[in-house]
Amino acid sequence: MAVHRIVREALTNVVRHSGARRAAVSLVRHDDRLTVEIANDGAGGGAGELP
């Protein structure tokens, strides 16, 4: 449930702030870790990686 909300918020931010025409969501599971990546072709400045 948390991942769904994080992805939804990230995509909302892409639409509102980046001017992107495309966005891609990547979920990678490795052992007990999940990496979520949202990439887009917008011109907005990124916030960077979360710890």
Protein backbone atom coordinates (compact mmCIF):
# COMPACT_ATOMS: atom_id res chain seq x y z
CA MET A 1 0.00 0.00 0.00
CA ALA A 2 2.82 2.41 0.85
CA VAL A 3 4.57 1.82 -2.48
CA HIS A 4 1.34 2.55 -4.35
CA ARG A 5 0.97 5.89 -2.56
CA ILE A 6 4.61 6.83 -3.15
CA VAL A 7 4.36 6.07 -6.87
CA ARG A 8 1.05 7.93 -7.16
CA GLU A 9 2.51 11.01 -5.45
CA ALA A 10 5.63 10.89 -7.62
CA LEU A 11 3.57 10.69 -10.81
CA THR A 12 1.35 13.53 -9.60
CA ASN A 13 4.49 15.63 -9.09
CA VAL A 14 5.72 14.75 -12.58
CA VAL A 15 2.44 15.96 -14.09
CA ARG A 16 2.30 19.14 -12.01
CA HIS A 17 5.90 20.29 -12.03
CA SER A 18 8.11 18.75 -14.70
CA GLY A 19 6.35 19.43 -17.98
CA ALA A 20 7.14 15.82 -18.93
CA ARG A 21 5.46 14.07 -21.83
CA ARG A 22 6.48 10.60 -20.60
CA ALA A 23 7.14 8.92 -17.30
CA ALA A 24 8.28 5.41 -16.43
CA VAL A 25 7.98 3.52 -13.17
CA SER A 26 10.51 0.84 -12.27
CA LEU A 27 10.19 -1.53 -9.31
CA VAL A 28 13.11 -3.83 -8.54
CA ARG A 29 13.05 -6.33 -5.71
CA HIS A 30 16.29 -7.75 -4.37
CA ASP A 31 16.10 -9.96 -1.28
CA ASP A 32 14.26 -7.88 1.34
CA ARG A 33 14.71 -4.55 -0.46
CA LEU A 34 12.49 -2.77 -2.99
CA THR A 35 13.84 0.00 -5.18
CA VAL A 36 11.34 2.37 -6.78
CA GLU A 37 12.45 4.64 -9.60
CA ILE A 38 10.34 7.22 -11.41
CA ALA A 39 11.95 8.63 -14.55
CA ASN A 40 10.54 11.29 -16.84
CA ASP A 41 11.54 13.45 -19.78
CA GLY A 42 10.63 16.73 -18.11
CA ALA A 43 12.83 19.73 -17.51
CA GLY A 44 12.16 20.10 -13.77
CA GLY A 45 14.97 19.84 -11.25
CA GLY A 46 15.14 16.53 -9.41
CA ALA A 47 15.06 16.13 -5.67
CA GLY A 48 17.68 13.40 -5.75
CA GLU A 49 17.67 10.00 -4.11
CA LEU A 50 16.07 9.21 -0.82
CA PRO A 51 18.22 7.40 1.76
